[in-house]
Amino acid sequence: MSYVRFRTNAACLLAGFTVLWILPDGASAKSNDRKETNTLGKAAGVLQGMLAKDDVPPALLAKAKCIVVLPDVKKFGIGIGGTGGRGAMSCRTGKGFNGPWSAPAIYSVSGASVGLQLGGSSTDYALLVMTDNGVDALLKGKTKLGSSASIAAGPSGSTAVSSAGGTDILSYGRTTGLFAGVSLGGAALDPDDSANRDLYGKAITAREILIANSVATPPAAHALVSLLNSKAKAH
């Protein structure tokens, strides 16, 4: 009887360890799902707010090939500063970038700057990708803004379209907090492969999502894509 009880207890203990081993992965997957859903929800809210206040000119958005919305990008530092955050990129479908907007790919932004920097801030960005070179640079991988693709503060007002020039990416932002001497120029944008895998349930590249349109828009991204299709129909 003692041997039987030992085997029974050992089996129960092993089952308990198995459950404990499995649970963290399941919990981690659910946590990642919530993180991607939160990122996409924030991106939709940021873009809606910026369009409502005309912070982003609708006429320029209508001409953009792609858009990257980066909510709540953190900047911090004393002397040497850092930048970090995540957001979503969507492109127009069709060979001429003239169709409806694609399902989004998750991108991360990071970087460091040297110069006069003090304090910290949180900035929401909308980056309008205006050229083929800008699109190609962002699809290739880590893109240093201002180097791999030119970036400039986006123009506003009635002359926004004519004054946009040939810049690859036009940047619009709204900031809270205190920060001096640093901008998004020099930061790097990179597809977040692990986040995109969590979002779409398989390993997938940004090009497959944005250009090949190999996946449907997930429910968490419906608000963002619907907003783009309703506010920027014409190219």
Protein backbone atom coordinates (compact mmCIF):
# COMPACT_ATOMS: atom_id res chain seq x y z
CA MET A 1 0.00 0.00 0.00
CA SER A 2 2.84 2.33 0.80
CA TYR A 3 4.32 1.84 -2.67
CA VAL A 4 0.93 2.47 -4.30
CA ARG A 5 0.44 5.64 -2.27
CA PHE A 6 3.95 6.79 -3.24
CA ARG A 7 3.25 6.32 -6.94
CA THR A 8 -0.12 8.08 -6.63
CA ASN A 9 1.42 11.04 -4.82
CA ALA A 10 4.29 11.21 -7.31
CA ALA A 11 1.84 11.22 -10.21
CA CYS A 12 -0.17 14.03 -8.62
CA LEU A 13 3.00 16.01 -7.99
CA LEU A 14 4.14 15.56 -11.59
CA ALA A 15 0.72 16.67 -12.85
CA GLY A 16 0.93 19.73 -10.63
CA PHE A 17 4.34 20.65 -12.00
CA THR A 18 3.03 20.13 -15.55
CA VAL A 19 0.16 22.56 -14.93
CA LEU A 20 2.53 25.12 -13.42
CA TRP A 21 4.85 24.72 -16.40
CA ILE A 22 2.05 25.27 -18.92
CA LEU A 23 0.19 28.09 -17.22
CA PRO A 24 2.86 30.80 -17.59
CA ASP A 25 2.94 30.34 -21.37
CA GLY A 26 -0.84 30.62 -21.57
CA ALA A 27 -0.83 33.62 -19.30
CA SER A 28 1.98 35.16 -21.35
CA ALA A 29 0.04 34.64 -24.60
CA LYS A 30 -3.03 36.34 -23.13
CA SER A 31 -0.86 39.18 -21.85
CA ASN A 32 0.68 39.64 -25.31
CA ASP A 33 -2.76 39.64 -26.91
CA ARG A 34 -3.85 42.39 -24.54
CA LYS A 35 -0.67 44.35 -25.28
CA GLU A 36 -1.21 44.28 -29.07
CA THR A 37 -4.91 45.09 -28.65
CA ASN A 38 -3.98 48.03 -26.42
CA THR A 39 -1.41 49.31 -28.94
CA LEU A 40 -3.90 49.20 -31.81
CA GLY A 41 -6.65 50.81 -29.72
CA LYS A 42 -4.34 53.65 -28.68
CA ALA A 43 -3.22 54.16 -32.28
CA ALA A 44 -6.83 54.52 -33.45
CA GLY A 45 -7.56 56.99 -30.64
CA VAL A 46 -4.46 59.08 -31.39
CA LEU A 47 -5.23 59.31 -35.11
CA GLN A 48 -8.88 60.13 -34.49
CA GLY A 49 -7.91 62.92 -32.09
CA MET A 50 -5.32 64.39 -34.46
CA LEU A 51 -7.71 64.34 -37.41
CA ALA A 52 -10.50 65.90 -35.34
CA LYS A 53 -8.23 68.85 -34.51
CA ASP A 54 -6.73 69.05 -38.02
CA ASP A 55 -3.30 68.30 -36.58
CA VAL A 56 -2.86 66.06 -39.63
CA PRO A 57 -4.05 67.68 -42.90
CA PRO A 58 -6.64 65.35 -44.51
CA ALA A 59 -5.41 66.33 -47.99
CA LEU A 60 -1.91 65.06 -47.20
CA LEU A 61 -3.18 61.89 -45.55
CA ALA A 62 -5.18 61.26 -48.73
CA LYS A 63 -1.90 61.34 -50.70
CA ALA A 64 0.11 59.17 -48.28
CA LYS A 65 1.11 55.66 -49.32
CA CYS A 66 1.37 54.45 -45.72
CA ILE A 67 0.95 55.78 -42.21
CA VAL A 68 2.65 54.90 -38.94
CA VAL A 69 0.83 55.89 -35.75
CA LEU A 70 3.00 55.79 -32.62
CA PRO A 71 1.06 56.53 -29.43
CA ASP A 72 2.74 57.55 -26.21
CA VAL A 73 6.39 57.51 -27.36
CA LYS A 74 8.60 58.15 -24.34
CA LYS A 75 11.63 60.43 -24.39
CA PHE A 76 13.85 60.75 -21.37
CA GLY A 77 17.35 61.61 -20.29
CA ILE A 78 19.87 64.00 -18.85
CA GLY A 79 22.67 64.69 -21.32
CA ILE A 80 22.12 61.50 -23.34
CA GLY A 81 18.48 60.79 -24.07
CA GLY A 82 16.49 57.77 -25.18
CA THR A 83 13.32 57.16 -27.16
CA GLY A 84 11.02 54.17 -26.99
CA GLY A 85 7.54 53.09 -27.98
CA ARG A 86 5.37 50.96 -30.26
CA GLY A 87 2.67 51.62 -32.79
CA ALA A 88 0.99 50.44 -35.98
CA MET A 89 1.71 50.86 -39.68
CA SER A 90 -0.88 50.52 -42.43
CA CYS A 91 -0.47 50.98 -46.21
CA ARG A 92 -2.85 51.44 -49.07
CA THR A 93 -3.46 48.27 -51.03
CA GLY A 94 -3.02 47.99 -54.79
CA LYS A 95 0.08 48.31 -56.99
CA GLY A 96 -0.27 52.08 -57.11
CA PHE A 97 -1.11 52.44 -53.39
CA ASN A 98 -4.58 53.58 -54.39
CA GLY A 99 -6.81 51.01 -52.71
CA PRO A 100 -8.30 50.57 -49.22
CA TRP A 101 -5.97 50.50 -46.24
CA SER A 102 -4.28 47.25 -45.24
CA ALA A 103 -4.24 45.31 -42.02
CA PRO A 104 -1.65 46.87 -39.71
CA ALA A 105 1.82 45.70 -38.75
CA ILE A 106 3.19 46.49 -35.30
CA TYR A 107 6.37 48.62 -35.32
CA SER A 108 8.67 49.68 -32.51
CA VAL A 109 10.63 52.93 -32.29
CA SER A 110 13.89 53.31 -30.41
CA GLY A 111 16.92 55.54 -30.38
CA ALA A 112 19.38 57.65 -28.45
CA SER A 113 20.50 61.25 -28.90
CA VAL A 114 23.32 63.33 -27.51
CA GLY A 115 22.88 67.01 -26.76
CA LEU A 116 20.95 69.36 -24.55
CA GLN A 117 18.35 67.10 -22.94
CA LEU A 118 16.56 67.48 -19.67
CA GLY A 119 13.44 65.87 -18.25
CA GLY A 120 11.00 63.64 -20.07
CA SER A 121 7.99 63.71 -22.34
CA SER A 122 5.37 61.57 -23.98
CA THR A 123 4.55 62.20 -27.63
CA ASP A 124 1.94 60.83 -29.99
CA TYR A 125 3.17 60.67 -33.60
CA ALA A 126 1.52 60.23 -36.97
CA LEU A 127 4.10 59.61 -39.69
CA LEU A 128 2.86 59.96 -43.27
CA VAL A 129 4.97 57.91 -45.68
CA MET A 130 4.83 59.81 -48.95
CA THR A 131 7.34 58.10 -51.27
CA ASP A 132 8.23 54.64 -52.57
CA ASN A 133 11.67 55.04 -50.99
CA GLY A 134 10.07 55.66 -47.61
CA VAL A 135 7.88 52.57 -47.94
CA ASP A 136 10.79 50.37 -49.06
CA ALA A 137 13.01 51.58 -46.21
CA LEU A 138 10.40 50.78 -43.56
CA LEU A 139 9.72 47.34 -45.02
CA LYS A 140 13.40 46.31 -45.11
CA GLY A 141 13.86 46.31 -41.35
CA LYS A 142 15.42 48.73 -38.90
CA THR A 143 15.12 52.16 -40.51
CA LYS A 144 17.06 55.10 -39.14
CA LEU A 145 14.86 58.12 -39.65
CA GLY A 146 16.74 60.90 -41.40
CA SER A 147 19.25 58.46 -42.88
CA SER A 148 17.56 55.50 -44.56
CA ALA A 149 14.52 57.68 -45.15
CA SER A 150 14.29 61.46 -44.97
CA ILE A 151 11.91 62.87 -42.38
CA ALA A 152 10.64 66.38 -41.72
CA ALA A 153 7.99 68.09 -39.66
CA GLY A 154 4.80 67.95 -41.68
CA PRO A 155 3.37 71.20 -43.06
CA SER A 156 -0.07 72.39 -42.07
CA GLY A 157 -2.72 74.74 -43.36
CA SER A 158 -4.14 75.29 -46.83
CA THR A 159 -0.71 75.07 -48.51
CA ALA A 160 0.23 71.77 -46.88
CA VAL A 161 0.11 69.71 -50.07
CA SER A 162 2.13 72.11 -52.21
CA SER A 163 4.75 72.65 -49.49
CA ALA A 164 5.28 68.97 -48.65
CA GLY A 165 8.19 68.68 -51.11
CA GLY A 166 9.90 65.35 -51.82
CA THR A 167 10.42 64.26 -48.21
CA ASP A 168 9.97 60.52 -47.63
CA ILE A 169 8.18 60.83 -44.27
CA LEU A 170 6.22 63.75 -42.83
CA SER A 171 5.98 63.79 -39.04
CA TYR A 172 3.12 65.14 -36.96
CA GLY A 173 3.14 64.99 -33.18
CA ARG A 174 1.58 66.22 -29.97
CA THR A 175 3.59 66.27 -26.76
CA THR A 176 2.95 66.34 -23.03
CA GLY A 177 5.69 66.84 -20.45
CA LEU A 178 9.01 68.65 -20.48
CA PHE A 179 11.83 67.90 -22.88
CA ALA A 180 14.46 70.03 -24.60
CA GLY A 181 16.78 69.34 -27.51
CA VAL A 182 15.67 66.03 -29.02
CA SER A 183 13.40 65.01 -31.92
CA LEU A 184 12.29 61.80 -33.62
CA GLY A 185 14.97 62.30 -36.28
CA GLY A 186 17.77 59.78 -35.68
CA ALA A 187 15.43 57.27 -34.02
CA ALA A 188 14.95 53.84 -35.61
CA LEU A 189 11.71 52.21 -36.72
CA ASP A 190 11.65 48.42 -36.85
CA PRO A 191 8.91 45.83 -37.48
CA ASP A 192 8.11 44.07 -34.21
CA ASP A 193 8.19 40.48 -35.43
CA SER A 194 7.19 38.91 -32.10
CA ALA A 195 4.24 41.28 -31.71
CA ASN A 196 3.08 40.58 -35.27
CA ARG A 197 3.37 36.85 -34.62
CA ASP A 198 1.21 37.23 -31.50
CA LEU A 199 -1.30 39.39 -33.38
CA TYR A 200 -1.70 37.11 -36.40
CA GLY A 201 -0.97 33.75 -34.79
CA LYS A 202 1.97 32.90 -37.04
CA ALA A 203 5.40 34.15 -38.09
CA ILE A 204 4.82 36.86 -40.67
CA THR A 205 6.79 39.76 -42.13
CA ALA A 206 5.70 43.38 -42.39
CA ARG A 207 5.85 43.10 -46.19
CA GLU A 208 3.47 40.12 -46.15
CA ILE A 209 1.03 42.07 -43.98
CA LEU A 210 1.23 45.48 -45.65
CA ILE A 211 2.01 44.78 -49.31
CA ALA A 212 1.06 41.15 -50.03
CA ASN A 213 -2.11 41.53 -47.92
CA SER A 214 -1.81 37.91 -46.84
CA VAL A 215 -3.87 38.37 -43.66
CA ALA A 216 -7.26 39.81 -42.82
CA THR A 217 -7.59 42.80 -40.52
CA PRO A 218 -7.85 41.46 -36.94
CA PRO A 219 -10.79 42.64 -34.79
CA ALA A 220 -8.46 44.73 -32.61
CA ALA A 221 -7.48 46.79 -35.68
CA HIS A 222 -10.95 47.38 -37.13
CA ALA A 223 -11.27 50.83 -35.55
CA LEU A 224 -7.94 52.04 -36.98
CA VAL A 225 -8.46 50.67 -40.49
CA SER A 226 -12.10 51.84 -40.63
CA LEU A 227 -11.00 55.32 -39.58
CA LEU A 228 -8.40 55.44 -42.36
CA ASN A 229 -10.87 54.20 -44.97
CA SER A 230 -13.46 56.76 -43.94
CA LYS A 231 -11.15 59.78 -43.57
CA ALA A 232 -8.66 59.13 -46.38
CA LYS A 233 -10.50 57.42 -49.22
CA ALA A 234 -8.90 59.15 -52.19
CA HIS A 235 -5.24 58.88 -53.07
